[in-house]
Amino acid sequence: MHQRFVRRPLLADLVPADLLPRRHAAPGRDGRQQRAGDRLWDEPDKIQPVTGAIAGVCRLGSIMPCSNNKPVFVVGSYRSGTSIFSWCLGQHPNLVNLPETNWLARLTVDLDNLYRLATINGKFSHLGQTGTSIDEFYRLFGEGVGHLIGVTNAILIDRTEKRVTGEFRRRRAADDPKDRWVDATPENSHYVYSLSKLFPEARFIHLLRNPHDVARSLMKFSRSGGRDHGHEEAYRNWTRLSRAAYLGEQAMGGARMMRVRYEEFTGAPERTVKDVLGFLGEPYCADCLKPLDTKINSSQVEPEVVKTRESSSAVREAAELYQQILSAPAPGMHGDPAAQADLQRDQEQRHAQERLQAREHIAGLDREVLQAQRELQAIYASTSWRITGPLRGMARFFLAALRLR
């Protein structure tokens, strides 16, 4: 029997909506309710307490928490093949593909706030006295996150194996080490800098697709369970995420970030997968090609079905950025210091913007609570409330008498 929890409105109403638990999946920034590739195993048979889930890990003795902390982040625009790409990597004996996280990016914003709080009074603050740097602060939290994901991967793998048939597997052999994990959340394109601080040994892959193909797919996204995007919105989303990922390429350098063109991945998958696994330091595994036999999350859009307006400013901006990315020389192995400074500045601005949005959200909730209190006071002061007061008193009396019987 599950324990019943009572909601505390004064606390919960001050928490941003995207941090609250949800009984039903809400649309993300791209408007999707749920990814088709994750539908089968993201809905457990019943909600279990955390203790029950962790206890289940102990029964899965063959799967151990990740012993290293070298995650792989696949970034880029929506509809660029990030889902199928992560499923391909997830067939490798040493890699587990996760459902899109989203919370990791939010964690980096919160960690930035917490470090400010922990050092606000200099040597009179906790971390100020210990001399803990922000890089060390991030890294230690990253180790904890790595352990958390390693433990919960056992649950994820077990539930996947119970529900899935075909080539979309998260474990192909009982002795697969599954020592690393892959996160293909497109919005992580904006958080390459902070994620690299959280996981200093992480590797990043930018999956780049032609903006016109992405836009056509987004404009017919409802065919795969998402929300159809408008013409301008589709192109601006591609530009926003692709520009952020490209800046990450320049800053991280070839040692930590690799670019993969969608057209190369679909046209020469074996060669592409070999190159990617070599970049990750993992041996080649032919099983990584097996998910390509099945199409997932496809909008099934032909070029002649959805027409784009070439004269649009959003189209021109996306086309120019795409050509710039393709024609730019490969970054050095350790990245460009100027790009690193730009990436850090962009991340700090994004964190500041999200803190401002959170404060505005809380202020809006405060206004709603105040309005509700005023309306309630008006009800209490109304004539009808005073007239019906004796009736409510009698009702309470009879209910109390019934309970005593």
Protein backbone atom coordinates (compact mmCIF):
# COMPACT_ATOMS: atom_id res chain seq x y z
CA MET A 1 0.00 0.00 0.00
CA HIS A 2 1.49 3.33 -1.05
CA GLN A 3 1.91 6.10 1.46
CA ARG A 4 -0.37 9.08 0.78
CA PHE A 5 1.37 12.42 0.52
CA VAL A 6 -0.40 15.71 1.23
CA ARG A 7 0.60 18.65 -0.96
CA ARG A 8 1.88 21.71 0.89
CA PRO A 9 0.69 24.61 -1.24
CA LEU A 10 2.82 27.36 0.27
CA LEU A 11 5.97 25.45 -0.65
CA ALA A 12 4.94 23.84 -3.92
CA ASP A 13 3.42 27.01 -5.32
CA LEU A 14 6.81 28.70 -5.12
CA VAL A 15 8.61 26.02 -7.10
CA PRO A 16 8.95 26.60 -10.88
CA ALA A 17 6.48 24.41 -12.73
CA ASP A 18 9.16 22.54 -14.66
CA LEU A 19 10.68 21.33 -11.37
CA LEU A 20 7.47 19.85 -9.99
CA PRO A 21 6.67 16.13 -10.39
CA ARG A 22 4.20 15.49 -13.21
CA ARG A 23 1.66 12.69 -13.44
CA HIS A 24 1.36 13.22 -17.17
CA ALA A 25 4.13 14.21 -19.56
CA ALA A 26 4.04 17.90 -20.40
CA PRO A 27 5.32 19.31 -23.68
CA GLY A 28 8.98 20.28 -23.76
CA ARG A 29 10.35 23.31 -25.61
CA ASP A 30 9.89 21.44 -28.84
CA GLY A 31 6.22 20.69 -28.02
CA ARG A 32 6.58 16.94 -27.73
CA GLN A 33 4.50 14.99 -25.25
CA GLN A 34 6.72 11.94 -25.40
CA ARG A 35 9.39 10.54 -27.64
CA ALA A 36 8.15 7.63 -29.71
CA GLY A 37 11.38 5.72 -29.17
CA ASP A 38 10.98 5.87 -25.38
CA ARG A 39 7.23 5.30 -25.12
CA LEU A 40 7.37 1.63 -24.17
CA TRP A 41 9.62 1.86 -21.16
CA ASP A 42 9.01 5.33 -19.80
CA GLU A 43 5.66 4.21 -18.39
CA PRO A 44 6.27 1.76 -15.53
CA ASP A 45 3.48 -0.58 -14.53
CA LYS A 46 2.99 1.37 -11.34
CA ILE A 47 4.69 4.12 -9.41
CA GLN A 48 7.09 2.65 -6.87
CA PRO A 49 8.72 4.35 -3.90
CA VAL A 50 12.39 5.14 -4.42
CA THR A 51 13.35 2.58 -1.82
CA GLY A 52 11.54 -0.10 -3.78
CA ALA A 53 13.27 0.90 -7.02
CA ILE A 54 16.72 0.93 -5.45
CA ALA A 55 15.97 -2.36 -3.74
CA GLY A 56 15.27 -3.70 -7.20
CA VAL A 57 18.82 -2.84 -8.21
CA CYS A 58 20.14 -5.24 -5.62
CA ARG A 59 18.18 -8.02 -7.30
CA LEU A 60 19.83 -7.19 -10.63
CA GLY A 61 23.22 -8.39 -9.53
CA SER A 62 24.59 -8.55 -13.06
CA ILE A 63 24.43 -4.75 -13.51
CA MET A 64 26.74 -2.57 -11.43
CA PRO A 65 26.91 1.22 -11.14
CA CYS A 66 29.23 2.90 -13.66
CA SER A 67 32.80 2.72 -12.38
CA ASN A 68 33.97 5.73 -14.41
CA ASN A 69 32.47 9.09 -15.19
CA LYS A 70 32.93 9.55 -18.94
CA PRO A 71 29.45 10.25 -20.32
CA VAL A 72 28.68 11.02 -23.95
CA PHE A 73 26.44 13.97 -24.86
CA VAL A 74 24.86 14.08 -28.31
CA VAL A 75 23.78 17.65 -29.08
CA GLY A 76 22.28 19.49 -32.03
CA SER A 77 18.90 20.56 -33.30
CA TYR A 78 15.67 18.67 -32.86
CA ARG A 79 14.86 16.33 -35.75
CA SER A 80 18.56 15.82 -36.50
CA GLY A 81 18.57 12.10 -35.73
CA THR A 82 19.77 12.38 -32.15
CA SER A 83 17.35 9.67 -30.97
CA ILE A 84 18.33 6.97 -33.45
CA PHE A 85 21.99 7.94 -33.11
CA SER A 86 21.91 7.45 -29.33
CA TRP A 87 20.10 4.12 -29.78
CA CYS A 88 22.86 2.99 -32.12
CA LEU A 89 25.51 3.88 -29.56
CA GLY A 90 23.43 2.19 -26.86
CA GLN A 91 23.87 -1.20 -28.54
CA HIS A 92 27.56 -1.08 -27.65
CA PRO A 93 28.48 -3.35 -24.70
CA ASN A 94 29.94 -0.41 -22.79
CA LEU A 95 27.33 2.29 -23.50
CA VAL A 96 23.80 2.83 -22.16
CA ASN A 97 21.55 5.31 -23.95
CA LEU A 98 19.33 7.30 -21.60
CA PRO A 99 15.94 8.88 -22.25
CA GLU A 100 16.34 12.64 -22.64
CA THR A 101 17.29 14.01 -19.24
CA ASN A 102 16.63 17.79 -19.28
CA TRP A 103 17.24 17.83 -15.52
CA LEU A 104 21.03 17.76 -15.93
CA ALA A 105 20.98 21.17 -17.61
CA ARG A 106 18.76 22.52 -14.82
CA LEU A 107 21.17 21.07 -12.27
CA THR A 108 24.04 23.14 -13.63
CA VAL A 109 21.96 26.31 -13.18
CA ASP A 110 21.17 25.36 -9.59
CA LEU A 111 24.80 24.45 -8.85
CA ASP A 112 25.87 27.88 -10.03
CA ASN A 113 23.39 29.44 -7.60
CA LEU A 114 24.47 27.15 -4.75
CA TYR A 115 28.15 27.93 -5.21
CA ARG A 116 27.37 31.64 -5.08
CA LEU A 117 25.47 31.05 -1.83
CA ALA A 118 28.25 28.87 -0.35
CA THR A 119 30.93 31.51 -1.00
CA ILE A 120 28.93 34.74 -0.67
CA ASN A 121 30.71 35.85 2.53
CA GLY A 122 34.22 34.92 1.43
CA LYS A 123 36.32 33.42 4.23
CA PHE A 124 33.26 33.49 6.51
CA SER A 125 31.41 31.09 4.20
CA HIS A 126 31.66 27.32 4.29
CA LEU A 127 33.30 26.80 0.91
CA GLY A 128 35.16 30.08 1.26
CA GLN A 129 37.01 28.66 4.27
CA THR A 130 37.71 25.32 2.60
CA GLY A 131 39.02 27.01 -0.56
CA THR A 132 36.85 24.81 -2.79
CA SER A 133 36.92 26.13 -6.35
CA ILE A 134 33.84 26.19 -8.55
CA ASP A 135 35.46 23.60 -10.84
CA GLU A 136 36.00 21.24 -7.93
CA PHE A 137 32.46 21.92 -6.70
CA TYR A 138 31.02 20.96 -10.08
CA ARG A 139 33.27 17.91 -10.44
CA LEU A 140 32.29 16.46 -7.06
CA PHE A 141 28.61 16.86 -7.85
CA GLY A 142 29.28 15.27 -11.22
CA GLU A 143 30.70 12.21 -9.51
CA GLY A 144 27.52 11.90 -7.48
CA VAL A 145 25.36 12.27 -10.59
CA GLY A 146 27.45 9.62 -12.35
CA HIS A 147 26.85 7.20 -9.49
CA LEU A 148 23.12 8.00 -9.44
CA ILE A 149 22.79 7.33 -13.16
CA GLY A 150 24.88 4.17 -12.86
CA VAL A 151 22.56 2.81 -10.18
CA THR A 152 19.33 3.77 -11.95
CA ASN A 153 20.64 2.39 -15.25
CA ALA A 154 20.08 -1.07 -13.80
CA ILE A 155 16.37 -0.27 -13.42
CA LEU A 156 16.22 1.32 -16.87
CA ILE A 157 17.85 -1.68 -18.52
CA ASP A 158 15.67 -4.17 -16.71
CA ARG A 159 12.44 -2.39 -17.66
CA THR A 160 13.58 -2.05 -21.25
CA GLU A 161 14.32 -5.76 -21.52
CA LYS A 162 10.85 -6.61 -20.24
CA ARG A 163 9.05 -4.42 -22.78
CA VAL A 164 11.11 -4.32 -25.94
CA THR A 165 11.52 -6.69 -28.82
CA GLY A 166 13.64 -6.21 -31.92
CA GLU A 167 16.89 -4.32 -32.18
CA PHE A 168 16.22 -1.49 -29.73
CA ARG A 169 17.96 -2.98 -26.72
CA ARG A 170 19.78 -1.48 -23.78
CA ARG A 171 21.59 -4.73 -22.98
CA ARG A 172 22.47 -7.47 -25.46
CA ALA A 173 24.40 -9.79 -23.15
CA ALA A 174 24.24 -10.37 -19.41
CA ASP A 175 27.95 -9.61 -19.03
CA ASP A 176 27.93 -6.30 -20.92
CA PRO A 177 29.76 -3.85 -18.63
CA LYS A 178 27.67 -0.80 -19.67
CA ASP A 179 30.22 1.41 -17.98
CA ARG A 180 29.29 4.67 -19.74
CA TRP A 181 26.05 6.43 -20.67
CA VAL A 182 24.80 8.51 -23.59
CA ASP A 183 22.46 11.51 -23.24
CA ALA A 184 20.97 12.90 -26.47
CA THR A 185 18.97 15.84 -25.13
CA PRO A 186 19.01 18.57 -27.84
CA GLU A 187 18.68 21.42 -25.33
CA ASN A 188 22.05 20.38 -23.87
CA SER A 189 23.51 22.25 -26.85
CA HIS A 190 23.24 25.36 -24.67
CA TYR A 191 24.99 23.71 -21.72
CA VAL A 192 28.18 22.25 -23.19
CA TYR A 193 30.29 24.49 -20.95
CA SER A 194 28.62 23.65 -17.65
CA LEU A 195 28.28 19.96 -18.51
CA SER A 196 32.00 19.85 -19.28
CA LYS A 197 32.62 21.22 -15.78
CA LEU A 198 30.25 18.69 -14.25
CA PHE A 199 31.94 15.86 -16.14
CA PRO A 200 35.55 16.83 -17.00
CA GLU A 201 36.06 13.59 -18.97
CA ALA A 202 32.80 13.80 -20.94
CA ARG A 203 32.78 13.67 -24.72
CA PHE A 204 30.41 15.65 -26.94
CA ILE A 205 29.07 14.85 -30.42
CA HIS A 206 27.37 17.50 -32.55
CA LEU A 207 24.91 15.87 -34.94
CA LEU A 208 24.44 18.40 -37.74
CA ARG A 209 21.60 18.16 -40.27
CA ASN A 210 20.59 20.40 -43.16
CA PRO A 211 18.27 23.12 -41.76
CA HIS A 212 15.75 22.76 -44.59
CA ASP A 213 15.25 19.06 -43.81
CA VAL A 214 14.97 19.83 -40.09
CA ALA A 215 12.42 22.58 -40.70
CA ARG A 216 10.25 20.38 -42.93
CA SER A 217 10.27 17.69 -40.26
CA LEU A 218 9.40 20.14 -37.48
CA MET A 219 6.53 21.61 -39.50
CA LYS A 220 4.98 18.11 -39.69
CA PHE A 221 6.09 16.99 -36.25
CA SER A 222 2.57 15.88 -35.27
CA ARG A 223 3.05 12.81 -37.47
CA SER A 224 5.44 11.44 -34.85
CA GLY A 225 3.62 12.63 -31.74
CA GLY A 226 5.01 16.16 -31.42
CA ARG A 227 3.73 19.66 -32.12
CA ASP A 228 3.83 21.14 -35.59
CA HIS A 229 6.13 24.17 -35.71
CA GLY A 230 5.52 27.30 -37.71
CA HIS A 231 7.84 28.10 -40.61
CA GLU A 232 9.86 30.79 -38.80
CA GLU A 233 9.86 28.92 -35.51
CA ALA A 234 11.26 25.76 -37.13
CA TYR A 235 14.21 27.58 -38.68
CA ARG A 236 14.91 29.67 -35.61
CA ASN A 237 15.00 26.56 -33.43
CA TRP A 238 17.55 25.00 -35.76
CA THR A 239 19.66 28.16 -35.72
CA ARG A 240 19.48 28.52 -31.94
CA LEU A 241 20.62 25.00 -31.15
CA SER A 242 23.09 24.60 -34.02
CA ARG A 243 24.84 27.89 -33.24
CA ALA A 244 25.24 26.85 -29.60
CA ALA A 245 26.60 23.42 -30.58
CA TYR A 246 29.00 24.98 -33.11
CA LEU A 247 30.36 27.33 -30.45
CA GLY A 248 30.84 24.26 -28.25
CA GLU A 249 32.87 22.63 -31.04
CA GLN A 250 35.20 25.61 -31.28
CA ALA A 251 35.63 25.86 -27.52
CA MET A 252 36.00 22.18 -26.64
CA GLY A 253 38.32 21.31 -29.51
CA GLY A 254 38.72 18.05 -31.38
CA ALA A 255 39.86 16.14 -28.31
CA ARG A 256 36.52 16.55 -26.55
CA MET A 257 33.92 17.28 -29.23
CA MET A 258 33.26 15.72 -32.62
CA ARG A 259 30.92 16.76 -35.42
CA VAL A 260 28.87 14.16 -37.30
CA ARG A 261 26.82 15.14 -40.33
CA TYR A 262 23.41 13.49 -40.46
CA GLU A 263 23.83 12.83 -44.17
CA GLU A 264 27.10 10.96 -43.55
CA PHE A 265 25.54 8.98 -40.71
CA THR A 266 22.63 7.81 -42.87
CA GLY A 267 24.70 7.42 -46.04
CA ALA A 268 27.71 5.59 -44.61
CA PRO A 269 26.64 4.40 -41.15
CA GLU A 270 29.35 1.78 -40.62
CA ARG A 271 32.19 4.19 -41.32
CA THR A 272 30.53 6.90 -39.21
CA VAL A 273 29.98 4.59 -36.24
CA LYS A 274 33.59 3.38 -36.44
CA ASP A 275 34.84 6.98 -36.40
CA VAL A 276 32.59 7.90 -33.47
CA LEU A 277 33.57 4.87 -31.38
CA GLY A 278 37.21 5.58 -32.12
CA PHE A 279 36.70 9.15 -30.88
CA LEU A 280 35.11 7.76 -27.71
CA GLY A 281 37.94 5.29 -27.20
CA GLU A 282 35.65 2.28 -27.56
CA PRO A 283 36.19 -0.74 -29.85
CA TYR A 284 33.94 -1.11 -32.87
CA CYS A 285 30.77 -3.19 -32.42
CA ALA A 286 28.61 -4.16 -35.41
CA ASP A 287 25.53 -4.31 -33.14
CA CYS A 288 25.52 -0.50 -33.21
CA LEU A 289 24.15 -0.64 -36.77
CA LYS A 290 21.16 -2.84 -35.97
CA PRO A 291 18.67 -0.10 -34.92
CA LEU A 292 19.07 1.51 -38.35
CA ASP A 293 16.81 -1.18 -39.80
CA THR A 294 13.88 0.50 -38.01
CA LYS A 295 12.74 4.11 -38.33
CA ILE A 296 11.67 5.86 -35.12
CA ASN A 297 10.29 9.34 -34.46
CA SER A 298 10.07 9.94 -38.21
CA SER A 299 7.85 12.72 -39.54
CA GLN A 300 7.94 10.99 -42.96
CA VAL A 301 8.09 14.26 -44.89
CA GLU A 302 9.11 14.47 -48.54
CA PRO A 303 10.62 17.77 -49.79
CA GLU A 304 7.70 18.47 -52.11
CA VAL A 305 5.16 18.04 -49.28
CA VAL A 306 6.34 21.01 -47.19
CA LYS A 307 7.51 24.11 -49.04
CA THR A 308 9.89 26.59 -47.44
CA ARG A 309 10.06 30.30 -48.14
CA GLU A 310 13.60 31.04 -49.26
CA SER A 311 13.08 34.81 -48.86
CA SER A 312 12.40 34.51 -45.14
CA SER A 313 14.98 36.11 -42.83
CA ALA A 314 14.94 33.01 -40.60
CA VAL A 315 15.70 30.80 -43.64
CA ARG A 316 18.55 33.03 -44.77
CA GLU A 317 20.05 33.12 -41.28
CA ALA A 318 19.92 29.33 -40.97
CA ALA A 319 21.36 28.79 -44.46
CA GLU A 320 24.23 31.21 -43.80
CA LEU A 321 25.07 29.56 -40.48
CA TYR A 322 24.96 26.10 -42.08
CA GLN A 323 27.42 27.15 -44.79
CA GLN A 324 29.62 28.82 -42.19
CA ILE A 325 29.78 25.64 -40.12
CA LEU A 326 30.54 23.46 -43.15
CA SER A 327 33.26 25.74 -44.50
CA ALA A 328 34.98 26.52 -41.18
CA PRO A 329 38.33 24.84 -40.55
CA ALA A 330 38.43 22.08 -37.95
CA PRO A 331 39.17 23.41 -34.45
CA GLY A 332 42.42 22.52 -32.72
CA MET A 333 42.58 19.56 -30.41
CA HIS A 334 42.25 21.71 -27.30
CA GLY A 335 39.91 24.39 -28.60
CA ASP A 336 40.14 28.12 -29.18
CA PRO A 337 40.66 30.22 -26.00
CA ALA A 338 38.52 33.03 -27.43
CA ALA A 339 35.70 30.57 -28.17
CA GLN A 340 36.06 29.16 -24.66
CA ALA A 341 35.61 32.64 -23.21
CA ASP A 342 32.56 33.20 -25.47
CA LEU A 343 31.11 29.85 -24.39
CA GLN A 344 31.58 30.66 -20.72
CA ARG A 345 30.06 34.11 -21.16
CA ASP A 346 27.10 32.66 -23.06
CA GLN A 347 26.55 30.11 -20.29
CA GLU A 348 26.69 32.73 -17.55
CA GLN A 349 24.18 34.89 -19.42
CA ARG A 350 21.86 31.92 -19.86
CA HIS A 351 22.10 31.07 -16.15
CA ALA A 352 21.33 34.69 -15.24
CA GLN A 353 18.36 34.69 -17.61
CA GLU A 354 16.99 31.48 -16.11
CA ARG A 355 17.40 32.85 -12.58
CA LEU A 356 15.46 35.93 -13.64
CA GLN A 357 12.72 33.78 -15.19
CA ALA A 358 12.49 31.75 -11.98
CA ARG A 359 12.11 34.91 -9.90
CA GLU A 360 9.43 36.22 -12.26
CA HIS A 361 7.64 32.87 -12.07
CA ILE A 362 7.67 32.98 -8.26
CA ALA A 363 6.48 36.59 -8.27
CA GLY A 364 3.61 35.59 -10.55
CA LEU A 365 2.65 32.78 -8.19
CA ASP A 366 2.73 35.21 -5.27
CA ARG A 367 0.34 37.49 -7.13
CA GLU A 368 -2.02 34.58 -7.84
CA VAL A 369 -1.98 33.52 -4.17
CA LEU A 370 -2.69 37.09 -3.06
CA GLN A 371 -5.59 37.36 -5.52
CA ALA A 372 -7.02 34.06 -4.30
CA GLN A 373 -6.79 35.27 -0.69
CA ARG A 374 -8.64 38.46 -1.59
CA GLU A 375 -11.38 36.52 -3.35
CA LEU A 376 -11.70 34.21 -0.36
CA GLN A 377 -11.97 37.15 2.02
CA ALA A 378 -14.66 38.63 -0.21
CA ILE A 379 -16.62 35.38 0.01
CA TYR A 380 -16.32 35.33 3.81
CA ALA A 381 -17.53 38.93 3.99
CA SER A 382 -20.47 38.36 1.65
CA THR A 383 -24.09 38.35 2.88
CA SER A 384 -24.76 34.86 1.49
CA TRP A 385 -21.88 33.44 3.49
CA ARG A 386 -23.22 34.93 6.73
CA ILE A 387 -26.77 33.76 5.98
CA THR A 388 -25.70 30.18 5.33
CA GLY A 389 -23.43 30.12 8.39
CA PRO A 390 -26.01 28.43 10.69
CA LEU A 391 -26.70 25.78 8.05
CA ARG A 392 -23.01 24.94 7.80
CA GLY A 393 -22.85 24.71 11.58
CA MET A 394 -25.75 22.25 11.63
CA ALA A 395 -24.10 20.18 8.90
CA ARG A 396 -20.90 19.96 10.91
CA PHE A 397 -22.90 18.93 14.00
CA PHE A 398 -24.71 16.07 12.22
CA LEU A 399 -21.49 14.85 10.59
CA ALA A 400 -19.78 14.75 13.99
CA ALA A 401 -22.74 12.87 15.45
CA LEU A 402 -22.57 10.29 12.64
CA ARG A 403 -18.89 9.68 13.30
CA LEU A 404 -19.62 8.99 17.00
CA ARG A 405 -22.20 6.31 16.21
